[in-house]
Amino acid sequence: MSYQDEVATVAVKQVDAIRRDLARAQQALVLAGDEVLKLNRRVAALDWLLRLAETESTSGGPALTLHDAMRQVLSRAPLRMMRAVDLAAAIDNDGLYRMRDGRAVEPQQIHARVGNYPQFFTREGTFIKLIEAD
């Protein structure tokens, strides 16, 4: 008799015990998964709070709005223009703005603000340009 046959014989004799153990293991896995989700949410919340505190302490006050952060960065850029991806990176590097969930601003949001604030920004090809104040 092969070892596989012997294992199968034992498994057949212990099928009820194996089913109970499997049910307990599956239940423990569900509980562990719930705990992992709770911990992931807690880590994300604490990370967001820490980033908020760091932004507050480095800026000396409330964080800027995204369009104000864009204006600040573009005002010191050559020709007052940048690509959206570079503008987002500069805003993140300077700690000027974070999304509500604590993540860095994404280029898509930069593009959206350009459309929402035509009094401040214009597009020149792939570049976003700050409109000069009168």
Protein backbone atom coordinates (compact mmCIF):
# COMPACT_ATOMS: atom_id res chain seq x y z
CA MET A 1 0.00 0.00 0.00
CA SER A 2 1.32 3.46 -0.92
CA TYR A 3 1.56 6.32 1.55
CA GLN A 4 -1.23 8.07 -0.38
CA ASP A 5 -3.53 5.10 0.20
CA GLU A 6 -2.65 5.09 3.90
CA VAL A 7 -3.32 8.85 4.18
CA ALA A 8 -6.64 8.42 2.37
CA THR A 9 -7.62 5.63 4.78
CA VAL A 10 -6.89 7.83 7.79
CA ALA A 11 -8.71 10.78 6.19
CA VAL A 12 -11.81 8.67 5.60
CA LYS A 13 -11.79 7.48 9.23
CA GLN A 14 -11.32 11.05 10.52
CA VAL A 15 -13.59 12.92 8.08
CA ASP A 16 -15.81 14.42 10.83
CA ALA A 17 -12.81 15.70 12.79
CA ILE A 18 -11.28 17.11 9.60
CA ARG A 19 -14.55 18.92 8.77
CA ARG A 20 -14.67 20.46 12.28
CA ASP A 21 -11.04 21.57 12.04
CA LEU A 22 -11.65 23.02 8.58
CA ALA A 23 -14.70 24.98 9.82
CA ARG A 24 -12.68 26.36 12.75
CA ALA A 25 -9.80 27.31 10.46
CA GLN A 26 -12.15 29.05 8.01
CA GLN A 27 -13.79 30.95 10.86
CA ALA A 28 -10.38 32.01 12.20
CA LEU A 29 -9.41 33.15 8.70
CA VAL A 30 -12.54 35.32 8.42
CA LEU A 31 -11.85 36.88 11.82
CA ALA A 32 -8.22 37.49 10.90
CA GLY A 33 -9.30 39.09 7.62
CA ASP A 34 -11.68 41.41 9.48
CA GLU A 35 -8.88 42.34 11.86
CA VAL A 36 -6.52 43.05 8.95
CA LEU A 37 -9.14 45.34 7.37
CA LYS A 38 -9.59 47.20 10.67
CA LEU A 39 -5.84 47.58 11.07
CA ASN A 40 -5.43 48.80 7.48
CA ARG A 41 -8.12 51.43 8.09
CA ARG A 42 -6.46 52.49 11.33
CA VAL A 43 -3.04 52.75 9.69
CA ALA A 44 -4.51 54.84 6.85
CA ALA A 45 -6.29 57.15 9.30
CA LEU A 46 -3.21 57.62 11.46
CA ASP A 47 -1.05 58.20 8.39
CA TRP A 48 -3.52 60.84 7.19
CA LEU A 49 -3.51 62.55 10.58
CA LEU A 50 0.27 62.56 10.69
CA ARG A 51 0.50 64.07 7.21
CA LEU A 52 -2.08 66.68 8.18
CA ALA A 53 -0.11 67.57 11.30
CA GLU A 54 3.13 67.78 9.33
CA THR A 55 1.51 70.02 6.71
CA GLU A 56 0.09 72.26 9.41
CA SER A 57 3.40 72.52 11.26
CA THR A 58 5.51 73.19 8.16
CA SER A 59 3.14 75.72 6.64
CA GLY A 60 2.43 77.56 9.88
CA GLY A 61 -1.30 77.29 9.30
CA PRO A 62 -3.96 75.54 7.31
CA ALA A 63 -2.86 73.79 4.14
CA LEU A 64 -3.39 75.62 0.87
CA THR A 65 -6.13 74.82 -1.58
CA LEU A 66 -4.87 72.97 -4.62
CA HIS A 67 -5.30 75.92 -6.95
CA ASP A 68 -3.41 78.18 -4.51
CA ALA A 69 -0.62 75.61 -4.27
CA MET A 70 -0.51 75.47 -8.08
CA ARG A 71 -0.28 79.27 -8.26
CA GLN A 72 2.52 79.33 -5.67
CA VAL A 73 4.63 76.73 -7.50
CA LEU A 74 3.97 78.17 -10.97
CA SER A 75 4.84 81.69 -9.79
CA ARG A 76 8.46 80.61 -9.31
CA ALA A 77 8.70 78.30 -12.33
CA PRO A 78 10.57 79.36 -15.50
CA LEU A 79 8.08 81.09 -17.79
CA ARG A 80 5.47 80.41 -15.08
CA MET A 81 4.59 77.08 -16.68
CA MET A 82 5.02 73.37 -15.97
CA ARG A 83 3.65 70.01 -17.05
CA ALA A 84 0.92 68.64 -14.77
CA VAL A 85 3.02 65.72 -13.59
CA ASP A 86 5.91 68.03 -12.65
CA LEU A 87 3.56 70.49 -10.99
CA ALA A 88 2.00 67.70 -8.90
CA ALA A 89 5.46 66.46 -7.88
CA ALA A 90 6.58 69.97 -6.88
CA ILE A 91 3.43 70.51 -4.81
CA ASP A 92 4.05 67.20 -3.05
CA ASN A 93 7.77 67.86 -2.53
CA ASP A 94 6.99 71.25 -0.99
CA GLY A 95 4.24 69.76 1.20
CA LEU A 96 1.74 72.33 -0.02
CA TYR A 97 -1.30 70.13 -0.58
CA ARG A 98 -2.59 66.63 0.14
CA MET A 99 -5.82 65.06 -1.01
CA ARG A 100 -8.49 64.47 1.64
CA ASP A 101 -7.41 60.87 2.04
CA GLY A 102 -3.81 61.97 2.63
CA ARG A 103 -2.41 60.93 -0.74
CA ALA A 104 -0.31 63.22 -2.89
CA VAL A 105 -2.11 65.22 -5.56
CA GLU A 106 -2.42 63.49 -8.91
CA PRO A 107 -1.94 65.10 -12.35
CA GLN A 108 -5.62 64.53 -13.18
CA GLN A 109 -6.60 66.88 -10.35
CA ILE A 110 -4.17 69.46 -11.64
CA HIS A 111 -5.85 69.30 -15.06
CA ALA A 112 -9.29 69.58 -13.46
CA ARG A 113 -8.32 72.72 -11.55
CA VAL A 114 -7.00 74.33 -14.72
CA GLY A 115 -10.48 73.93 -16.20
CA ASN A 116 -12.18 75.16 -13.02
CA TYR A 117 -10.01 78.27 -12.65
CA PRO A 118 -9.59 79.82 -16.10
CA GLN A 119 -8.88 83.16 -14.42
CA PHE A 120 -5.63 81.70 -13.03
CA PHE A 121 -4.46 79.08 -15.52
CA THR A 122 -4.27 78.35 -19.21
CA ARG A 123 -2.92 75.47 -21.26
CA GLU A 124 -0.08 75.82 -23.71
CA GLY A 125 0.34 72.46 -25.37
CA THR A 126 1.24 69.97 -22.63
CA PHE A 127 2.06 72.79 -20.22
CA ILE A 128 -0.05 74.58 -17.63
CA LYS A 129 0.68 78.26 -17.41
CA LEU A 130 -0.08 80.73 -14.66
CA ILE A 131 -1.95 83.76 -15.98
CA GLU A 132 -0.24 87.00 -14.99
CA ALA A 133 -2.24 89.15 -12.56
CA ASP A 134 -3.13 92.62 -13.80
